[in-house]
């Protein structure tokens, strides 16, 4: 295995580097949870904490939210909030609604969401990364988000 950031075929140079970093972050996340069963994925350290499973689904939900806001240039609709709201917000809603899922379920959700991100990034240029926009009311750009 090599540990270096490089380009990826099908992407502009900087987007390819970004994809390389995203791939590594995803790999280390999945490596960290390999072999966990449902009980471990659902475990709550305290009554206010989030489970590992909920945090995995949160990663997918945040990426889904960014897809909608950046690629679709809109806010999530009610159907999307019904599907992703608990994972996006976590907290009490997440503790009530996110449990009983296998690791394969979470990995599948992460992969489904990432598939669209990669397709969309193939259609963008490096200049697009630096396009300024607001994020959570603060000046930002697509690269940061």
C-alpha atoms as a PDB file:
ATOM      1  CA  UNK A   1       0.000   0.000   0.000  1.00  0.00           C
ATOM      2  CA  UNK A   2       1.169   3.497  -0.803  1.00  0.00           C
ATOM      3  CA  UNK A   3       0.421   6.493   1.358  1.00  0.00           C
ATOM      4  CA  UNK A   4       0.457   9.428  -1.000  1.00  0.00           C
ATOM      5  CA  UNK A   5      -2.076  11.794  -2.448  1.00  0.00           C
ATOM      6  CA  UNK A   6      -2.252  11.547  -6.201  1.00  0.00           C
ATOM      7  CA  UNK A   7      -4.585  12.222  -9.063  1.00  0.00           C
ATOM      8  CA  UNK A   8      -7.277   9.889 -10.259  1.00  0.00           C
ATOM      9  CA  UNK A   9      -8.151   9.016 -13.822  1.00  0.00           C
ATOM     10  CA  UNK A  10     -11.352  10.730 -14.919  1.00  0.00           C
ATOM     11  CA  UNK A  11     -10.908  13.785 -12.692  1.00  0.00           C
ATOM     12  CA  UNK A  12      -9.133  17.100 -13.094  1.00  0.00           C
ATOM     13  CA  UNK A  13      -5.827  17.221 -11.157  1.00  0.00           C
ATOM     14  CA  UNK A  14      -7.011  18.845  -7.911  1.00  0.00           C
ATOM     15  CA  UNK A  15     -10.362  17.095  -7.863  1.00  0.00           C
ATOM     16  CA  UNK A  16      -8.455  13.844  -8.361  1.00  0.00           C
ATOM     17  CA  UNK A  17      -6.345  14.670  -5.309  1.00  0.00           C
ATOM     18  CA  UNK A  18      -9.483  15.466  -3.323  1.00  0.00           C
ATOM     19  CA  UNK A  19     -10.994  12.112  -4.346  1.00  0.00           C
ATOM     20  CA  UNK A  20      -7.775  10.411  -3.269  1.00  0.00           C
ATOM     21  CA  UNK A  21      -8.084  11.989   0.198  1.00  0.00           C
ATOM     22  CA  UNK A  22     -11.777  11.114   0.382  1.00  0.00           C
ATOM     23  CA  UNK A  23     -10.995   7.496  -0.547  1.00  0.00           C
ATOM     24  CA  UNK A  24      -8.405   7.225   2.207  1.00  0.00           C
ATOM     25  CA  UNK A  25     -10.699   8.752   4.825  1.00  0.00           C
ATOM     26  CA  UNK A  26     -13.437   6.297   3.828  1.00  0.00           C
ATOM     27  CA  UNK A  27     -11.026   3.345   3.936  1.00  0.00           C
ATOM     28  CA  UNK A  28      -9.799   4.173   7.432  1.00  0.00           C
ATOM     29  CA  UNK A  29     -13.360   4.680   8.646  1.00  0.00           C
ATOM     30  CA  UNK A  30     -14.480   1.299   7.330  1.00  0.00           C
ATOM     31  CA  UNK A  31     -11.309  -0.391   8.602  1.00  0.00           C
ATOM     32  CA  UNK A  32     -12.070   0.952  12.091  1.00  0.00           C
ATOM     33  CA  UNK A  33     -15.493  -0.710  12.225  1.00  0.00           C
ATOM     34  CA  UNK A  34     -14.736  -4.000  10.464  1.00  0.00           C
ATOM     35  CA  UNK A  35     -16.190  -6.967  12.303  1.00  0.00           C
ATOM     36  CA  UNK A  36     -18.614  -5.001  14.472  1.00  0.00           C
ATOM     37  CA  UNK A  37     -21.962  -6.631  15.065  1.00  0.00           C
ATOM     38  CA  UNK A  38     -25.345  -4.990  15.481  1.00  0.00           C
ATOM     39  CA  UNK A  39     -25.020  -4.783  19.286  1.00  0.00           C
ATOM     40  CA  UNK A  40     -21.687  -2.983  18.987  1.00  0.00           C
ATOM     41  CA  UNK A  41     -22.994  -0.662  16.264  1.00  0.00           C
ATOM     42  CA  UNK A  42     -26.020   0.218  18.432  1.00  0.00           C
ATOM     43  CA  UNK A  43     -24.150   0.612  21.739  1.00  0.00           C
ATOM     44  CA  UNK A  44     -24.606   3.925  23.543  1.00  0.00           C
ATOM     45  CA  UNK A  45     -21.865   4.910  25.970  1.00  0.00           C
ATOM     46  CA  UNK A  46     -24.221   7.352  27.700  1.00  0.00           C
ATOM     47  CA  UNK A  47     -27.880   8.238  27.292  1.00  0.00           C
ATOM     48  CA  UNK A  48     -26.847  11.375  25.341  1.00  0.00           C
ATOM     49  CA  UNK A  49     -24.283   9.755  23.053  1.00  0.00           C
ATOM     50  CA  UNK A  50     -24.643   8.556  19.497  1.00  0.00           C
ATOM     51  CA  UNK A  51     -23.997   4.997  18.433  1.00  0.00           C
ATOM     52  CA  UNK A  52     -21.293   3.998  15.974  1.00  0.00           C
ATOM     53  CA  UNK A  53     -24.023   3.005  13.526  1.00  0.00           C
ATOM     54  CA  UNK A  54     -25.670   6.411  13.838  1.00  0.00           C
ATOM     55  CA  UNK A  55     -22.331   8.134  13.252  1.00  0.00           C
ATOM     56  CA  UNK A  56     -21.714   6.043  10.126  1.00  0.00           C
ATOM     57  CA  UNK A  57     -25.140   6.963   8.795  1.00  0.00           C
ATOM     58  CA  UNK A  58     -24.447  10.593   9.788  1.00  0.00           C
ATOM     59  CA  UNK A  59     -21.398  10.600   7.500  1.00  0.00           C
ATOM     60  CA  UNK A  60     -23.617   9.481   4.611  1.00  0.00           C
ATOM     61  CA  UNK A  61     -26.358  11.980   5.528  1.00  0.00           C
ATOM     62  CA  UNK A  62     -23.957  14.925   5.645  1.00  0.00           C
ATOM     63  CA  UNK A  63     -22.571  13.980   2.226  1.00  0.00           C
ATOM     64  CA  UNK A  64     -26.124  13.614   0.900  1.00  0.00           C
ATOM     65  CA  UNK A  65     -27.000  17.055   2.271  1.00  0.00           C
ATOM     66  CA  UNK A  66     -23.956  18.604   0.611  1.00  0.00           C
ATOM     67  CA  UNK A  67     -24.909  16.922  -2.686  1.00  0.00           C
ATOM     68  CA  UNK A  68     -28.343  18.494  -2.538  1.00  0.00           C
ATOM     69  CA  UNK A  69     -27.070  21.939  -1.588  1.00  0.00           C
ATOM     70  CA  UNK A  70     -24.056  22.030  -3.901  1.00  0.00           C
ATOM     71  CA  UNK A  71     -24.905  19.865  -6.900  1.00  0.00           C
ATOM     72  CA  UNK A  72     -28.668  20.498  -6.946  1.00  0.00           C
ATOM     73  CA  UNK A  73     -28.403  24.086  -5.606  1.00  0.00           C
ATOM     74  CA  UNK A  74     -31.358  23.729  -3.241  1.00  0.00           C
ATOM     75  CA  UNK A  75     -32.332  22.770   0.272  1.00  0.00           C
ATOM     76  CA  UNK A  76     -33.471  19.210   1.076  1.00  0.00           C
ATOM     77  CA  UNK A  77     -37.170  18.563   0.476  1.00  0.00           C
ATOM     78  CA  UNK A  78     -39.539  16.873   2.921  1.00  0.00           C
ATOM     79  CA  UNK A  79     -39.039  13.395   1.449  1.00  0.00           C
ATOM     80  CA  UNK A  80     -35.253  13.747   1.798  1.00  0.00           C
ATOM     81  CA  UNK A  81     -35.631  15.023   5.360  1.00  0.00           C
ATOM     82  CA  UNK A  82     -37.901  12.083   6.195  1.00  0.00           C
ATOM     83  CA  UNK A  83     -35.247   9.686   4.881  1.00  0.00           C
ATOM     84  CA  UNK A  84     -32.102  11.401   6.187  1.00  0.00           C
ATOM     85  CA  UNK A  85     -33.200  13.770   8.979  1.00  0.00           C
ATOM     86  CA  UNK A  86     -32.480  11.463  11.933  1.00  0.00           C
ATOM     87  CA  UNK A  87     -29.024  10.644  10.606  1.00  0.00           C
ATOM     88  CA  UNK A  88     -28.316  14.275   9.774  1.00  0.00           C
ATOM     89  CA  UNK A  89     -29.381  15.643  13.157  1.00  0.00           C
ATOM     90  CA  UNK A  90     -28.540  12.672  15.397  1.00  0.00           C
ATOM     91  CA  UNK A  91     -29.390  13.349  19.049  1.00  0.00           C
ATOM     92  CA  UNK A  92     -32.638  11.979  20.445  1.00  0.00           C
ATOM     93  CA  UNK A  93     -34.156  11.464  17.005  1.00  0.00           C
ATOM     94  CA  UNK A  94     -31.121   9.480  15.899  1.00  0.00           C
ATOM     95  CA  UNK A  95     -31.160   7.358  19.047  1.00  0.00           C
ATOM     96  CA  UNK A  96     -34.837   6.530  18.469  1.00  0.00           C
ATOM     97  CA  UNK A  97     -34.635   5.785  14.753  1.00  0.00           C
ATOM     98  CA  UNK A  98     -31.159   4.438  14.006  1.00  0.00           C
ATOM     99  CA  UNK A  99     -30.627   0.964  15.392  1.00  0.00           C
ATOM    100  CA  UNK A 100     -30.792  -2.687  14.499  1.00  0.00           C
ATOM    101  CA  UNK A 101     -28.803  -2.343  11.267  1.00  0.00           C
ATOM    102  CA  UNK A 102     -25.889  -4.503  10.209  1.00  0.00           C
ATOM    103  CA  UNK A 103     -22.497  -3.128   9.247  1.00  0.00           C
ATOM    104  CA  UNK A 104     -23.285  -4.071   5.632  1.00  0.00           C
ATOM    105  CA  UNK A 105     -26.290  -1.731   5.750  1.00  0.00           C
ATOM    106  CA  UNK A 106     -24.148   1.235   6.795  1.00  0.00           C
ATOM    107  CA  UNK A 107     -21.392   0.449   4.305  1.00  0.00           C
ATOM    108  CA  UNK A 108     -23.995   0.147   1.543  1.00  0.00           C
ATOM    109  CA  UNK A 109     -25.503   3.548   2.446  1.00  0.00           C
ATOM    110  CA  UNK A 110     -22.054   5.163   2.472  1.00  0.00           C
ATOM    111  CA  UNK A 111     -21.273   3.646  -0.942  1.00  0.00           C
ATOM    112  CA  UNK A 112     -24.627   4.652  -2.461  1.00  0.00           C
ATOM    113  CA  UNK A 113     -24.146   8.277  -1.488  1.00  0.00           C
ATOM    114  CA  UNK A 114     -20.473   8.366  -2.480  1.00  0.00           C
ATOM    115  CA  UNK A 115     -21.314   7.016  -5.948  1.00  0.00           C
ATOM    116  CA  UNK A 116     -23.184  10.195  -6.823  1.00  0.00           C
ATOM    117  CA  UNK A 117     -20.451  12.420  -5.380  1.00  0.00           C
ATOM    118  CA  UNK A 118     -17.852  10.774  -7.606  1.00  0.00           C
ATOM    119  CA  UNK A 119     -20.052  11.056 -10.706  1.00  0.00           C
ATOM    120  CA  UNK A 120     -20.677  14.737  -9.985  1.00  0.00           C
ATOM    121  CA  UNK A 121     -16.998  15.467  -9.328  1.00  0.00           C
ATOM    122  CA  UNK A 122     -16.074  13.943 -12.694  1.00  0.00           C
ATOM    123  CA  UNK A 123     -18.183  16.678 -14.294  1.00  0.00           C
ATOM    124  CA  UNK A 124     -16.455  19.537 -12.445  1.00  0.00           C
ATOM    125  CA  UNK A 125     -13.227  21.457 -13.021  1.00  0.00           C
ATOM    126  CA  UNK A 126     -10.570  22.539 -10.567  1.00  0.00           C
ATOM    127  CA  UNK A 127     -11.893  26.110 -10.876  1.00  0.00           C
ATOM    128  CA  UNK A 128     -15.225  24.862  -9.532  1.00  0.00           C
ATOM    129  CA  UNK A 129     -13.474  23.853  -6.296  1.00  0.00           C
ATOM    130  CA  UNK A 130     -12.699  27.501  -5.581  1.00  0.00           C
ATOM    131  CA  UNK A 131     -16.159  28.861  -6.365  1.00  0.00           C
ATOM    132  CA  UNK A 132     -17.165  30.924  -3.355  1.00  0.00           C
ATOM    133  CA  UNK A 133     -20.365  30.206  -1.498  1.00  0.00           C
ATOM    134  CA  UNK A 134     -21.823  30.507   1.950  1.00  0.00           C
ATOM    135  CA  UNK A 135     -21.693  27.524   4.257  1.00  0.00           C
ATOM    136  CA  UNK A 136     -23.583  27.738   7.505  1.00  0.00           C
ATOM    137  CA  UNK A 137     -23.656  31.509   7.052  1.00  0.00           C
ATOM    138  CA  UNK A 138     -19.882  31.796   6.610  1.00  0.00           C
ATOM    139  CA  UNK A 139     -17.803  32.562   3.505  1.00  0.00           C
ATOM    140  CA  UNK A 140     -16.518  29.299   2.075  1.00  0.00           C
ATOM    141  CA  UNK A 141     -15.869  27.501  -1.198  1.00  0.00           C
ATOM    142  CA  UNK A 142     -16.737  24.143  -2.740  1.00  0.00           C
ATOM    143  CA  UNK A 143     -13.296  22.759  -1.891  1.00  0.00           C
ATOM    144  CA  UNK A 144     -13.803  23.269   1.841  1.00  0.00           C
ATOM    145  CA  UNK A 145     -17.320  21.905   1.787  1.00  0.00           C
END
